[in-house]
Amino acid sequence: MPGDREELIKQIMLAQKMIGRHIHNEAPDAWVALHLTIAQLKCLMLINFKGSTNFKMLAEALNVSPPNVTGIVDRLVVQKLVTREDNPENRRMQILQVTDKGRALIGELMERQEYHFHTTLANMKTEDLECLSRGMSALVEAAQQGEKQRSAGPEE
């Protein structure tokens, strides 16, 4: 029944939120101890995700103007988390990249999150882990299918 399906989706989404809260609540000290604003953390994560970017692309991703990003990036550069280098193809555009120190910080945050997720999974019964594994595999498959559909563009 369609109603049951929507209810299941709501229950799964609620469970995902509760798991996220649990995992983040286990290690708030790592996030609180950061000497970064939310805007700086967003920039750091976006630059890391992209591999390298420039002010214009970063501003577009954050939906702000390039001058707003300049001060944020300046503070990341001072903390040696991000570098900015002249673009050899366009001298007016600088390339932004995460430093080894920045990658280490991101890695530490992710490691703590993975550790708490692992300890949560370790508390589950084997048969529940097997069911969850099948469900997670199905979720990955659905996400990949959705990605293929989006990249193919709208059907005519």
N, C-alpha and C. Protein backbone atom coordinates (compact mmCIF):
# COMPACT_ATOMS: atom_id res chain seq x y z
N MET A 1 0.84 -1.19 0.00
CA MET A 1 0.00 0.00 0.00
C MET A 1 0.88 1.25 0.00
N PRO A 2 0.51 2.25 -0.80
CA PRO A 2 1.30 3.48 -0.89
C PRO A 2 1.48 4.18 0.46
N GLY A 3 0.46 4.20 1.30
CA GLY A 3 0.56 4.85 2.60
C GLY A 3 1.59 4.18 3.49
N ASP A 4 1.62 2.85 3.45
CA ASP A 4 2.59 2.10 4.25
C ASP A 4 4.02 2.41 3.79
N ARG A 5 4.19 2.53 2.49
CA ARG A 5 5.51 2.84 1.93
C ARG A 5 5.99 4.20 2.42
N GLU A 6 5.14 5.21 2.37
CA GLU A 6 5.51 6.55 2.85
C GLU A 6 5.80 6.53 4.34
N GLU A 7 5.06 5.76 5.09
CA GLU A 7 5.29 5.65 6.53
C GLU A 7 6.65 5.00 6.81
N LEU A 8 6.98 3.97 6.03
CA LEU A 8 8.29 3.34 6.17
C LEU A 8 9.42 4.33 5.87
N ILE A 9 9.25 5.11 4.83
CA ILE A 9 10.25 6.11 4.47
C ILE A 9 10.42 7.11 5.61
N LYS A 10 9.32 7.57 6.18
CA LYS A 10 9.39 8.52 7.30
C LYS A 10 10.11 7.90 8.50
N GLN A 11 9.80 6.63 8.79
CA GLN A 11 10.45 5.95 9.92
C GLN A 11 11.95 5.81 9.69
N ILE A 12 12.34 5.48 8.46
CA ILE A 12 13.76 5.32 8.14
C ILE A 12 14.47 6.67 8.25
N MET A 13 13.86 7.73 7.75
CA MET A 13 14.47 9.05 7.83
C MET A 13 14.61 9.51 9.28
N LEU A 14 13.62 9.23 10.09
CA LEU A 14 13.69 9.57 11.51
C LEU A 14 14.81 8.78 12.19
N ALA A 15 14.92 7.50 11.88
CA ALA A 15 15.98 6.67 12.46
C ALA A 15 17.35 7.20 12.05
N GLN A 16 17.48 7.61 10.79
CA GLN A 16 18.76 8.16 10.31
C GLN A 16 19.12 9.41 11.10
N LYS A 17 18.16 10.28 11.36
CA LYS A 17 18.42 11.50 12.15
C LYS A 17 18.85 11.13 13.57
N MET A 18 18.18 10.16 14.16
CA MET A 18 18.51 9.75 15.52
C MET A 18 19.91 9.16 15.60
N ILE A 19 20.28 8.36 14.59
CA ILE A 19 21.62 7.79 14.54
C ILE A 19 22.65 8.91 14.41
N GLY A 20 22.38 9.86 13.52
CA GLY A 20 23.29 10.99 13.34
C GLY A 20 23.49 11.76 14.63
N ARG A 21 22.41 12.02 15.33
CA ARG A 21 22.52 12.74 16.62
C ARG A 21 23.34 11.94 17.61
N HIS A 22 23.10 10.64 17.67
CA HIS A 22 23.84 9.79 18.60
C HIS A 22 25.33 9.83 18.30
N ILE A 23 25.68 9.67 17.05
CA ILE A 23 27.09 9.63 16.67
C ILE A 23 27.75 10.99 16.92
N HIS A 24 27.06 12.08 16.60
CA HIS A 24 27.64 13.41 16.83
C HIS A 24 27.68 13.75 18.31
N ASN A 25 26.71 13.28 19.08
CA ASN A 25 26.71 13.56 20.51
C ASN A 25 27.82 12.83 21.25
N GLU A 26 28.30 11.73 20.67
CA GLU A 26 29.36 10.98 21.30
C GLU A 26 30.69 11.71 21.28
N ALA A 27 30.87 12.60 20.29
CA ALA A 27 32.16 13.28 20.15
C ALA A 27 32.01 14.77 19.88
N PRO A 28 31.19 15.48 20.66
CA PRO A 28 31.03 16.91 20.37
C PRO A 28 32.30 17.70 20.66
N ASP A 29 33.17 17.15 21.52
CA ASP A 29 34.39 17.86 21.86
C ASP A 29 35.25 18.14 20.63
N ALA A 30 35.28 17.23 19.68
CA ALA A 30 36.08 17.42 18.47
C ALA A 30 35.55 18.61 17.66
N TRP A 31 34.23 18.73 17.58
CA TRP A 31 33.64 19.81 16.81
C TRP A 31 33.70 21.13 17.57
N VAL A 32 33.48 21.08 18.87
CA VAL A 32 33.50 22.29 19.68
C VAL A 32 34.92 22.85 19.77
N ALA A 33 35.91 21.98 19.78
CA ALA A 33 37.30 22.42 19.92
C ALA A 33 37.85 23.06 18.64
N LEU A 34 37.13 22.93 17.54
CA LEU A 34 37.59 23.53 16.30
C LEU A 34 37.65 25.05 16.44
N HIS A 35 38.69 25.62 15.91
CA HIS A 35 38.80 27.08 15.91
C HIS A 35 38.35 27.60 14.55
N LEU A 36 37.17 27.12 14.13
CA LEU A 36 36.60 27.49 12.84
C LEU A 36 35.14 27.89 13.02
N THR A 37 34.72 28.86 12.23
CA THR A 37 33.30 29.19 12.18
C THR A 37 32.61 28.17 11.28
N ILE A 38 31.31 28.16 11.30
CA ILE A 38 30.56 27.26 10.41
C ILE A 38 30.89 27.58 8.95
N ALA A 39 30.98 28.86 8.62
CA ALA A 39 31.29 29.26 7.25
C ALA A 39 32.68 28.76 6.84
N GLN A 40 33.64 28.86 7.75
CA GLN A 40 34.99 28.38 7.44
C GLN A 40 34.99 26.87 7.26
N LEU A 41 34.27 26.16 8.11
CA LEU A 41 34.20 24.71 8.00
C LEU A 41 33.54 24.31 6.68
N LYS A 42 32.47 25.01 6.30
CA LYS A 42 31.82 24.72 5.00
C LYS A 42 32.81 24.92 3.86
N CYS A 43 33.54 26.03 3.89
CA CYS A 43 34.51 26.29 2.82
C CYS A 43 35.59 25.21 2.78
N LEU A 44 36.11 24.87 3.94
CA LEU A 44 37.15 23.84 4.02
C LEU A 44 36.64 22.52 3.43
N MET A 45 35.44 22.13 3.82
CA MET A 45 34.88 20.87 3.33
C MET A 45 34.61 20.92 1.82
N LEU A 46 34.09 22.04 1.33
CA LEU A 46 33.82 22.16 -0.11
C LEU A 46 35.11 22.12 -0.92
N ILE A 47 36.11 22.86 -0.46
CA ILE A 47 37.38 22.86 -1.19
C ILE A 47 37.97 21.44 -1.18
N ASN A 48 37.91 20.77 -0.06
CA ASN A 48 38.41 19.41 0.04
C ASN A 48 37.64 18.48 -0.91
N PHE A 49 36.32 18.62 -0.94
CA PHE A 49 35.49 17.77 -1.79
C PHE A 49 35.83 17.98 -3.28
N LYS A 50 36.04 19.23 -3.64
CA LYS A 50 36.33 19.55 -5.05
C LYS A 50 37.76 19.19 -5.45
N GLY A 51 38.66 19.11 -4.47
CA GLY A 51 40.07 18.88 -4.77
C GLY A 51 40.80 20.20 -4.91
N SER A 52 40.26 21.08 -5.72
CA SER A 52 40.72 22.46 -5.83
C SER A 52 39.57 23.26 -6.44
N THR A 53 39.56 24.53 -6.17
CA THR A 53 38.50 25.38 -6.69
C THR A 53 39.01 26.81 -6.73
N ASN A 54 38.14 27.74 -7.05
CA ASN A 54 38.51 29.15 -7.02
C ASN A 54 37.43 29.92 -6.27
N PHE A 55 37.67 31.20 -6.04
CA PHE A 55 36.74 32.00 -5.25
C PHE A 55 35.35 32.04 -5.87
N LYS A 56 35.27 32.19 -7.19
CA LYS A 56 33.97 32.30 -7.85
C LYS A 56 33.15 31.01 -7.67
N MET A 57 33.78 29.87 -7.91
CA MET A 57 33.07 28.59 -7.79
C MET A 57 32.68 28.32 -6.33
N LEU A 58 33.56 28.69 -5.40
CA LEU A 58 33.27 28.50 -3.98
C LEU A 58 32.09 29.38 -3.56
N ALA A 59 32.09 30.62 -4.02
CA ALA A 59 31.00 31.54 -3.70
C ALA A 59 29.68 31.04 -4.28
N GLU A 60 29.70 30.52 -5.50
CA GLU A 60 28.48 29.98 -6.11
C GLU A 60 27.96 28.79 -5.32
N ALA A 61 28.86 27.92 -4.89
CA ALA A 61 28.46 26.73 -4.13
C ALA A 61 27.82 27.13 -2.80
N LEU A 62 28.30 28.22 -2.20
CA LEU A 62 27.77 28.68 -0.91
C LEU A 62 26.63 29.68 -1.08
N ASN A 63 26.39 30.07 -2.33
CA ASN A 63 25.32 31.02 -2.65
C ASN A 63 25.57 32.39 -1.99
N VAL A 64 26.82 32.85 -2.08
CA VAL A 64 27.20 34.17 -1.59
C VAL A 64 28.06 34.84 -2.66
N SER A 65 28.40 36.10 -2.45
CA SER A 65 29.24 36.80 -3.42
C SER A 65 30.71 36.48 -3.16
N PRO A 66 31.55 36.52 -4.20
CA PRO A 66 32.98 36.23 -4.01
C PRO A 66 33.65 37.07 -2.91
N PRO A 67 33.33 38.37 -2.77
CA PRO A 67 33.97 39.12 -1.68
C PRO A 67 33.65 38.55 -0.29
N ASN A 68 32.46 37.96 -0.12
CA ASN A 68 32.12 37.35 1.17
C ASN A 68 33.02 36.15 1.48
N VAL A 69 33.45 35.46 0.46
CA VAL A 69 34.28 34.27 0.64
C VAL A 69 35.74 34.66 0.94
N THR A 70 36.16 35.82 0.46
CA THR A 70 37.55 36.23 0.61
C THR A 70 38.01 36.23 2.06
N GLY A 71 37.26 36.86 2.95
CA GLY A 71 37.64 36.92 4.36
C GLY A 71 37.67 35.55 5.01
N ILE A 72 36.73 34.71 4.63
CA ILE A 72 36.67 33.34 5.18
C ILE A 72 37.92 32.57 4.76
N VAL A 73 38.24 32.64 3.48
CA VAL A 73 39.41 31.92 2.96
C VAL A 73 40.69 32.50 3.57
N ASP A 74 40.75 33.83 3.72
CA ASP A 74 41.94 34.45 4.34
C ASP A 74 42.22 33.84 5.71
N ARG A 75 41.18 33.64 6.50
CA ARG A 75 41.36 33.07 7.84
C ARG A 75 41.79 31.60 7.76
N LEU A 76 41.31 30.87 6.76
CA LEU A 76 41.74 29.48 6.57
C LEU A 76 43.21 29.43 6.14
N VAL A 77 43.63 30.40 5.34
CA VAL A 77 45.03 30.47 4.90
C VAL A 77 45.93 30.78 6.10
N VAL A 78 45.51 31.72 6.95
CA VAL A 78 46.29 32.08 8.14
C VAL A 78 46.47 30.86 9.04
N GLN A 79 45.45 30.01 9.14
CA GLN A 79 45.53 28.80 9.97
C GLN A 79 46.25 27.65 9.26
N LYS A 80 46.70 27.93 8.03
CA LYS A 80 47.43 26.94 7.22
C LYS A 80 46.59 25.70 6.89
N LEU A 81 45.28 25.92 6.73
CA LEU A 81 44.38 24.83 6.35
C LEU A 81 44.11 24.83 4.85
N VAL A 82 44.30 25.99 4.22
CA VAL A 82 44.04 26.16 2.78
C VAL A 82 45.18 26.98 2.18
N THR A 83 45.53 26.68 0.94
CA THR A 83 46.48 27.51 0.20
C THR A 83 45.75 28.16 -0.94
N ARG A 84 46.28 29.28 -1.36
CA ARG A 84 45.78 29.90 -2.58
C ARG A 84 46.98 30.23 -3.45
N GLU A 85 46.88 29.82 -4.69
CA GLU A 85 47.98 30.00 -5.63
C GLU A 85 47.45 30.64 -6.89
N ASP A 86 48.33 31.38 -7.56
CA ASP A 86 47.94 31.99 -8.82
C ASP A 86 47.68 30.90 -9.85
N ASN A 87 46.67 31.12 -10.64
CA ASN A 87 46.32 30.19 -11.72
C ASN A 87 47.19 30.53 -12.92
N PRO A 88 48.02 29.60 -13.39
CA PRO A 88 48.89 29.91 -14.53
C PRO A 88 48.11 30.21 -15.81
N GLU A 89 46.87 29.74 -15.89
CA GLU A 89 46.06 29.97 -17.09
C GLU A 89 45.30 31.29 -17.03
N ASN A 90 45.09 31.82 -15.81
CA ASN A 90 44.34 33.07 -15.65
C ASN A 90 44.87 33.76 -14.39
N ARG A 91 45.70 34.78 -14.57
CA ARG A 91 46.35 35.43 -13.43
C ARG A 91 45.38 36.11 -12.48
N ARG A 92 44.18 36.42 -12.95
CA ARG A 92 43.20 37.09 -12.09
C ARG A 92 42.46 36.10 -11.18
N MET A 93 42.65 34.83 -11.42
CA MET A 93 41.94 33.80 -10.66
C MET A 93 42.92 32.98 -9.84
N GLN A 94 42.62 32.81 -8.56
CA GLN A 94 43.49 32.01 -7.70
C GLN A 94 42.88 30.63 -7.48
N ILE A 95 43.75 29.65 -7.34
CA ILE A 95 43.34 28.27 -7.09
C ILE A 95 43.42 28.02 -5.58
N LEU A 96 42.35 27.49 -5.02
CA LEU A 96 42.28 27.17 -3.59
C LEU A 96 42.39 25.67 -3.41
N GLN A 97 43.26 25.26 -2.48
CA GLN A 97 43.43 23.84 -2.18
C GLN A 97 43.59 23.65 -0.67
N VAL A 98 43.15 22.50 -0.19
CA VAL A 98 43.31 22.16 1.22
C VAL A 98 44.75 21.67 1.42
N THR A 99 45.37 22.12 2.51
CA THR A 99 46.73 21.71 2.84
C THR A 99 46.72 20.33 3.51
N ASP A 100 47.90 19.79 3.73
CA ASP A 100 48.01 18.54 4.47
C ASP A 100 47.41 18.70 5.87
N LYS A 101 47.65 19.85 6.49
CA LYS A 101 47.09 20.12 7.83
C LYS A 101 45.57 20.13 7.77
N GLY A 102 45.00 20.72 6.73
CA GLY A 102 43.55 20.75 6.57
C GLY A 102 42.98 19.37 6.35
N ARG A 103 43.65 18.57 5.51
CA ARG A 103 43.20 17.19 5.27
C ARG A 103 43.29 16.36 6.54
N ALA A 104 44.33 16.60 7.33
CA ALA A 104 44.48 15.87 8.59
C ALA A 104 43.34 16.22 9.55
N LEU A 105 42.97 17.48 9.61
CA LEU A 105 41.86 17.90 10.47
C LEU A 105 40.55 17.24 10.04
N ILE A 106 40.28 17.27 8.75
CA ILE A 106 39.06 16.64 8.22
C ILE A 106 39.11 15.14 8.50
N GLY A 107 40.26 14.54 8.28
CA GLY A 107 40.42 13.10 8.52
C GLY A 107 40.16 12.73 9.98
N GLU A 108 40.65 13.57 10.90
CA GLU A 108 40.43 13.31 12.32
C GLU A 108 38.95 13.38 12.67
N LEU A 109 38.26 14.37 12.13
CA LEU A 109 36.82 14.49 12.39
C LEU A 109 36.06 13.28 11.85
N MET A 110 36.42 12.84 10.64
CA MET A 110 35.76 11.70 10.03
C MET A 110 36.09 10.41 10.79
N GLU A 111 37.33 10.28 11.23
CA GLU A 111 37.74 9.09 11.99
C GLU A 111 36.92 8.94 13.27
N ARG A 112 36.75 10.04 13.97
CA ARG A 112 35.96 9.99 15.21
C ARG A 112 34.53 9.56 14.92
N GLN A 113 33.98 10.11 13.85
CA GLN A 113 32.61 9.76 13.47
C GLN A 113 32.54 8.28 13.11
N GLU A 114 33.50 7.79 12.34
CA GLU A 114 33.52 6.38 11.95
C GLU A 114 33.68 5.47 13.17
N TYR A 115 34.52 5.89 14.11
CA TYR A 115 34.74 5.11 15.32
C TYR A 115 33.42 4.95 16.09
N HIS A 116 32.69 6.04 16.26
CA HIS A 116 31.44 5.97 17.01
C HIS A 116 30.38 5.16 16.25
N PHE A 117 30.39 5.26 14.92
CA PHE A 117 29.46 4.46 14.13
C PHE A 117 29.82 2.98 14.27
N HIS A 118 31.11 2.67 14.22
CA HIS A 118 31.56 1.28 14.37
C HIS A 118 31.15 0.71 15.72
N THR A 119 31.34 1.48 16.80
CA THR A 119 30.98 0.96 18.12
C THR A 119 29.47 0.77 18.24
N THR A 120 28.71 1.61 17.55
CA THR A 120 27.25 1.43 17.54
C THR A 120 26.89 0.13 16.83
N LEU A 121 27.50 -0.09 15.65
CA LEU A 121 27.23 -1.32 14.90
C LEU A 121 27.67 -2.55 15.68
N ALA A 122 28.76 -2.44 16.42
CA ALA A 122 29.28 -3.58 17.20
C ALA A 122 28.30 -4.00 18.29
N ASN A 123 27.39 -3.12 18.69
CA ASN A 123 26.40 -3.46 19.71
C ASN A 123 25.20 -4.22 19.14
N MET A 124 25.15 -4.39 17.82
CA MET A 124 24.02 -5.06 17.19
C MET A 124 24.25 -6.57 17.11
N LYS A 125 23.15 -7.32 17.08
CA LYS A 125 23.22 -8.77 16.88
C LYS A 125 23.62 -9.05 15.43
N THR A 126 24.27 -10.19 15.22
CA THR A 126 24.75 -10.55 13.89
C THR A 126 23.62 -10.58 12.87
N GLU A 127 22.48 -11.16 13.24
CA GLU A 127 21.36 -11.23 12.27
C GLU A 127 20.83 -9.84 11.91
N ASP A 128 20.86 -8.92 12.87
CA ASP A 128 20.44 -7.53 12.57
C ASP A 128 21.46 -6.84 11.67
N LEU A 129 22.74 -7.14 11.89
CA LEU A 129 23.78 -6.59 11.02
C LEU A 129 23.62 -7.10 9.59
N GLU A 130 23.26 -8.38 9.45
CA GLU A 130 23.05 -8.95 8.11
C GLU A 130 21.90 -8.25 7.41
N CYS A 131 20.81 -8.02 8.12
CA CYS A 131 19.65 -7.31 7.55
C CYS A 131 20.04 -5.88 7.17
N LEU A 132 20.75 -5.21 8.07
CA LEU A 132 21.17 -3.84 7.80
C LEU A 132 22.10 -3.79 6.60
N SER A 133 23.00 -4.76 6.49
CA SER A 133 23.92 -4.81 5.36
C SER A 133 23.17 -4.93 4.04
N ARG A 134 22.16 -5.81 4.01
CA ARG A 134 21.34 -5.95 2.79
C ARG A 134 20.61 -4.64 2.49
N GLY A 135 20.06 -4.03 3.52
CA GLY A 135 19.35 -2.77 3.33
C GLY A 135 20.26 -1.65 2.85
N MET A 136 21.46 -1.58 3.43
CA MET A 136 22.41 -0.54 3.03
C MET A 136 22.87 -0.77 1.59
N SER A 137 23.05 -2.02 1.21
CA SER A 137 23.42 -2.32 -0.18
C SER A 137 22.33 -1.87 -1.13
N ALA A 138 21.08 -2.10 -0.76
CA ALA A 138 19.95 -1.66 -1.58
C ALA A 138 19.91 -0.14 -1.65
N LEU A 139 20.24 0.53 -0.54
CA LEU A 139 20.25 1.99 -0.52
C LEU A 139 21.34 2.54 -1.43
N VAL A 140 22.51 1.94 -1.41
CA VAL A 140 23.61 2.36 -2.29
C VAL A 140 23.19 2.18 -3.75
N GLU A 141 22.57 1.05 -4.04
CA GLU A 141 22.12 0.78 -5.41
C GLU A 141 21.09 1.82 -5.86
N ALA A 142 20.15 2.16 -4.99
CA ALA A 142 19.13 3.17 -5.32
C ALA A 142 19.78 4.54 -5.54
N ALA A 143 20.79 4.88 -4.72
CA ALA A 143 21.48 6.16 -4.87
C ALA A 143 22.23 6.20 -6.21
N GLN A 144 22.88 5.10 -6.57
CA GLN A 144 23.61 5.04 -7.84
C GLN A 144 22.65 5.13 -9.02
N GLN A 145 21.49 4.51 -8.89
CA GLN A 145 20.48 4.56 -9.95
C GLN A 145 19.99 6.00 -10.11
N GLY A 146 19.73 6.67 -8.99
CA GLY A 146 19.30 8.06 -9.05
C GLY A 146 20.35 8.96 -9.66
N GLU A 147 21.62 8.70 -9.37
CA GLU A 147 22.72 9.48 -9.93
C GLU A 147 22.77 9.30 -11.44
N LYS A 148 22.61 8.06 -11.91
CA LYS A 148 22.61 7.78 -13.34
C LYS A 148 21.45 8.51 -14.03
N GLN A 149 20.29 8.49 -13.39
CA GLN A 149 19.12 9.17 -13.96
C GLN A 149 19.34 10.67 -14.06
N ARG A 150 19.94 11.26 -13.00
CA ARG A 150 20.18 12.71 -13.01
C ARG A 150 21.21 13.10 -14.06
N SER A 151 22.27 12.27 -14.22
CA SER A 151 23.31 12.61 -15.18
C SER A 151 22.83 12.40 -16.62
N ALA A 152 21.85 11.52 -16.81
CA ALA A 152 21.30 11.29 -18.15
C ALA A 152 20.43 12.46 -18.59
N GLY A 153 19.93 13.25 -17.63
CA GLY A 153 19.10 14.40 -17.95
C GLY A 153 17.64 14.01 -18.06
N PRO A 154 16.80 15.01 -18.30
CA PRO A 154 15.36 14.74 -18.37
C PRO A 154 15.01 13.91 -19.60
N GLU A 155 14.06 13.01 -19.39
CA GLU A 155 13.59 12.17 -20.50
C GLU A 155 12.63 12.98 -21.35
N GLU A 156 12.67 12.71 -22.64
CA GLU A 156 11.76 13.43 -23.55
C GLU A 156 10.61 12.56 -23.93
